[in-house]
Amino acid sequence: MKAFLQLLFAPCREITRRTSLSLDRDLPRSHLMAIRIHYVYCTACRRFRRQAALMRHALRRLGDGTLPDDALPDISLPDAARDRLKRFINDR
């Protein structure tokens, strides 16, 4: 209960950190509930959650080949960096 109350009144920095964690692993139900309550009154954290989920989805599609390369903006990313990102995504 104490952890729930601390998280309920946590600053946005902590909520965004927990939001990122929740995309990759299961968090205790009490933490998820406190985070969702925070989203009710915090537009910035809700926006962060949507953007993080969208980025994760797009990166996974890129890694598994379901997102065509021409759907991405033309950026000059070295091949080695692109390969590291794909390996990181595929290892998850």
Protein backbone atom coordinates (compact mmCIF):
# COMPACT_ATOMS: atom_id res chain seq x y z
CA MET A 1 0.00 0.00 0.00
CA LYS A 2 2.85 2.37 0.82
CA ALA A 3 4.47 1.78 -2.60
CA PHE A 4 1.11 2.45 -4.28
CA LEU A 5 0.70 5.77 -2.46
CA GLN A 6 4.28 6.82 -3.19
CA LEU A 7 3.81 6.04 -6.88
CA LEU A 8 0.40 7.69 -6.95
CA PHE A 9 2.00 11.01 -6.00
CA ALA A 10 5.24 10.43 -7.90
CA PRO A 11 6.63 13.10 -10.23
CA CYS A 12 6.24 12.71 -13.98
CA ARG A 13 9.88 11.62 -14.33
CA GLU A 14 9.14 8.52 -12.24
CA ILE A 15 5.88 7.82 -14.07
CA THR A 16 7.58 7.96 -17.49
CA ARG A 17 10.33 5.66 -16.20
CA ARG A 18 7.73 3.16 -15.00
CA THR A 19 5.81 3.54 -18.25
CA SER A 20 8.92 2.56 -20.19
CA LEU A 21 9.47 -0.41 -17.89
CA SER A 22 5.87 -1.54 -18.33
CA LEU A 23 6.37 -1.82 -22.09
CA ASP A 24 9.07 -4.44 -21.59
CA ARG A 25 8.05 -6.31 -18.45
CA ASP A 26 5.15 -6.93 -16.15
CA LEU A 27 4.78 -4.53 -13.26
CA PRO A 28 2.79 -5.19 -10.09
CA ARG A 29 -0.89 -4.47 -10.49
CA SER A 30 -0.77 -1.76 -7.83
CA HIS A 31 1.94 0.09 -9.78
CA LEU A 32 -0.05 -0.11 -13.00
CA MET A 33 -3.12 1.22 -11.23
CA ALA A 34 -1.20 4.17 -9.77
CA ILE A 35 0.31 4.95 -13.18
CA ARG A 36 -3.11 4.86 -14.83
CA ILE A 37 -4.53 7.18 -12.20
CA HIS A 38 -1.66 9.58 -12.95
CA TYR A 39 -2.59 9.45 -16.66
CA VAL A 40 -6.08 10.69 -15.79
CA TYR A 41 -4.79 14.10 -14.81
CA CYS A 42 -1.47 14.32 -16.68
CA THR A 43 -1.67 14.96 -20.40
CA ALA A 44 2.11 14.93 -20.86
CA CYS A 45 2.51 11.42 -19.41
CA ARG A 46 -0.40 10.11 -21.47
CA ARG A 47 1.26 11.55 -24.56
CA PHE A 48 4.60 9.97 -23.58
CA ARG A 49 2.90 6.58 -23.18
CA ARG A 50 1.31 6.77 -26.63
CA GLN A 51 4.57 7.88 -28.26
CA ALA A 52 6.62 5.18 -26.54
CA ALA A 53 4.15 2.48 -27.53
CA LEU A 54 4.05 3.74 -31.11
CA MET A 55 7.85 3.81 -31.33
CA ARG A 56 8.12 0.32 -29.90
CA HIS A 57 5.55 -0.99 -32.37
CA ALA A 58 7.29 0.65 -35.35
CA LEU A 59 10.72 -0.61 -34.30
CA ARG A 60 9.42 -4.15 -33.92
CA ARG A 61 7.81 -3.99 -37.36
CA LEU A 62 11.07 -2.72 -38.80
CA GLY A 63 12.99 -5.51 -37.07
CA ASP A 64 10.71 -8.29 -38.27
CA GLY A 65 10.52 -6.93 -41.82
CA THR A 66 6.80 -6.05 -41.86
CA LEU A 67 7.54 -2.33 -42.11
CA PRO A 68 8.99 -1.51 -45.53
CA ASP A 69 12.23 0.47 -45.50
CA ASP A 70 10.70 3.15 -47.72
CA ALA A 71 8.11 3.87 -44.98
CA LEU A 72 10.89 5.39 -42.90
CA PRO A 73 12.17 8.92 -43.35
CA ASP A 74 15.44 9.17 -45.22
CA ILE A 75 18.04 9.44 -42.48
CA SER A 76 21.75 8.84 -42.66
CA LEU A 77 22.23 6.12 -40.10
CA PRO A 78 25.43 4.12 -40.44
CA ASP A 79 24.90 0.47 -41.37
CA ALA A 80 26.60 -0.67 -38.16
CA ALA A 81 24.20 1.39 -36.03
CA ARG A 82 21.18 0.10 -37.97
CA ASP A 83 22.38 -3.48 -37.48
CA ARG A 84 22.85 -2.92 -33.72
CA LEU A 85 19.31 -1.54 -33.43
CA LYS A 86 17.84 -4.48 -35.34
CA ARG A 87 19.74 -6.99 -33.18
CA PHE A 88 18.60 -5.20 -30.02
CA ILE A 89 14.96 -5.26 -31.15
CA ASN A 90 15.08 -8.89 -32.24
CA ASP A 91 16.68 -9.99 -28.96
CA ARG A 92 13.72 -8.66 -26.96
